[in-house]
Amino acid sequence: MRKLLIAAMAVAPLLFVAACDDKGPAEKTGEKIDNAAQSVKDAIDPPGPAEKAGRAVDDTLGDKK
């Protein structure tokens, strides 16, 4: 019984992490707002080559924070 409890405690966090992959409507809306704000900022102060390279890396890696 004790081994079963330890195994369940080890697996439980993995289930929560797996459930976090789906984006809800609030998160999608928030991302759209963030992207719009970034576009306005870029129109006022265009990004330089280093910023563009950093964004390309973020896009490639999925922007995990």
C-alpha atoms as a PDB file:
ATOM      1  CA  MET A   1       0.000   0.000   0.000  1.00  0.00           C
ATOM      2  CA  ARG A   2       2.840   2.355   0.853  1.00  0.00           C
ATOM      3  CA  LYS A   3       4.518   1.763  -2.517  1.00  0.00           C
ATOM      4  CA  LEU A   4       1.261   2.501  -4.308  1.00  0.00           C
ATOM      5  CA  LEU A   5       0.924   5.789  -2.431  1.00  0.00           C
ATOM      6  CA  ILE A   6       4.508   6.780  -3.254  1.00  0.00           C
ATOM      7  CA  ALA A   7       3.968   5.886  -6.918  1.00  0.00           C
ATOM      8  CA  ALA A   8       0.753   7.920  -7.026  1.00  0.00           C
ATOM      9  CA  MET A   9       2.514  10.911  -5.477  1.00  0.00           C
ATOM     10  CA  ALA A  10       5.270  10.657  -8.071  1.00  0.00           C
ATOM     11  CA  VAL A  11       2.871  10.487 -11.025  1.00  0.00           C
ATOM     12  CA  ALA A  12       0.344  13.126  -9.899  1.00  0.00           C
ATOM     13  CA  PRO A  13       2.501  16.189 -10.754  1.00  0.00           C
ATOM     14  CA  LEU A  14       3.040  14.832 -14.265  1.00  0.00           C
ATOM     15  CA  LEU A  15      -0.697  14.817 -14.864  1.00  0.00           C
ATOM     16  CA  PHE A  16      -0.959  18.472 -13.912  1.00  0.00           C
ATOM     17  CA  VAL A  17       1.908  19.432 -16.223  1.00  0.00           C
ATOM     18  CA  ALA A  18       0.349  17.526 -19.106  1.00  0.00           C
ATOM     19  CA  ALA A  19      -2.950  19.340 -18.553  1.00  0.00           C
ATOM     20  CA  CYS A  20      -1.282  22.747 -18.902  1.00  0.00           C
ATOM     21  CA  ASP A  21      -0.642  22.378 -22.646  1.00  0.00           C
ATOM     22  CA  ASP A  22      -4.134  23.472 -23.660  1.00  0.00           C
ATOM     23  CA  LYS A  23      -4.648  27.220 -23.799  1.00  0.00           C
ATOM     24  CA  GLY A  24      -7.973  28.522 -22.627  1.00  0.00           C
ATOM     25  CA  PRO A  25      -9.843  31.457 -24.156  1.00  0.00           C
ATOM     26  CA  ALA A  26      -8.514  33.918 -21.561  1.00  0.00           C
ATOM     27  CA  GLU A  27      -4.908  32.951 -22.273  1.00  0.00           C
ATOM     28  CA  LYS A  28      -5.442  33.215 -26.030  1.00  0.00           C
ATOM     29  CA  THR A  29      -7.015  36.663 -25.599  1.00  0.00           C
ATOM     30  CA  GLY A  30      -4.136  37.738 -23.374  1.00  0.00           C
ATOM     31  CA  GLU A  31      -1.618  36.656 -25.993  1.00  0.00           C
ATOM     32  CA  LYS A  32      -3.470  38.640 -28.663  1.00  0.00           C
ATOM     33  CA  ILE A  33      -3.369  41.733 -26.446  1.00  0.00           C
ATOM     34  CA  ASP A  34       0.345  41.199 -25.771  1.00  0.00           C
ATOM     35  CA  ASN A  35       1.052  40.825 -29.488  1.00  0.00           C
ATOM     36  CA  ALA A  36      -0.916  43.982 -30.307  1.00  0.00           C
ATOM     37  CA  ALA A  37       0.966  45.955 -27.654  1.00  0.00           C
ATOM     38  CA  GLN A  38       4.287  44.649 -28.987  1.00  0.00           C
ATOM     39  CA  SER A  39       3.303  45.693 -32.518  1.00  0.00           C
ATOM     40  CA  VAL A  40       2.544  49.231 -31.338  1.00  0.00           C
ATOM     41  CA  LYS A  41       5.853  49.375 -29.467  1.00  0.00           C
ATOM     42  CA  ASP A  42       7.720  48.119 -32.542  1.00  0.00           C
ATOM     43  CA  ALA A  43       6.061  50.780 -34.712  1.00  0.00           C
ATOM     44  CA  ILE A  44       7.308  53.503 -32.346  1.00  0.00           C
ATOM     45  CA  ASP A  45      10.751  51.999 -31.628  1.00  0.00           C
ATOM     46  CA  PRO A  46      11.730  49.339 -34.207  1.00  0.00           C
ATOM     47  CA  PRO A  47      13.707  46.366 -32.871  1.00  0.00           C
ATOM     48  CA  GLY A  48      17.401  46.070 -33.678  1.00  0.00           C
ATOM     49  CA  PRO A  49      19.187  42.996 -35.004  1.00  0.00           C
ATOM     50  CA  ALA A  50      19.837  41.515 -31.549  1.00  0.00           C
ATOM     51  CA  GLU A  51      16.180  41.863 -30.568  1.00  0.00           C
ATOM     52  CA  LYS A  52      15.085  40.266 -33.842  1.00  0.00           C
ATOM     53  CA  ALA A  53      17.475  37.352 -33.271  1.00  0.00           C
ATOM     54  CA  GLY A  54      16.179  36.897 -29.728  1.00  0.00           C
ATOM     55  CA  ARG A  55      12.602  36.847 -30.922  1.00  0.00           C
ATOM     56  CA  ALA A  56      13.486  34.275 -33.580  1.00  0.00           C
ATOM     57  CA  VAL A  57      14.988  32.039 -30.882  1.00  0.00           C
ATOM     58  CA  ASP A  58      11.889  32.511 -28.709  1.00  0.00           C
ATOM     59  CA  ASP A  59       9.627  31.609 -31.627  1.00  0.00           C
ATOM     60  CA  THR A  60      11.700  28.522 -32.431  1.00  0.00           C
ATOM     61  CA  LEU A  61      11.730  27.284 -28.850  1.00  0.00           C
ATOM     62  CA  GLY A  62       8.071  28.073 -28.286  1.00  0.00           C
ATOM     63  CA  ASP A  63       8.777  30.995 -25.941  1.00  0.00           C
ATOM     64  CA  LYS A  64       8.816  28.845 -22.799  1.00  0.00           C
ATOM     65  CA  LYS A  65       8.908  30.976 -19.681  1.00  0.00           C
END
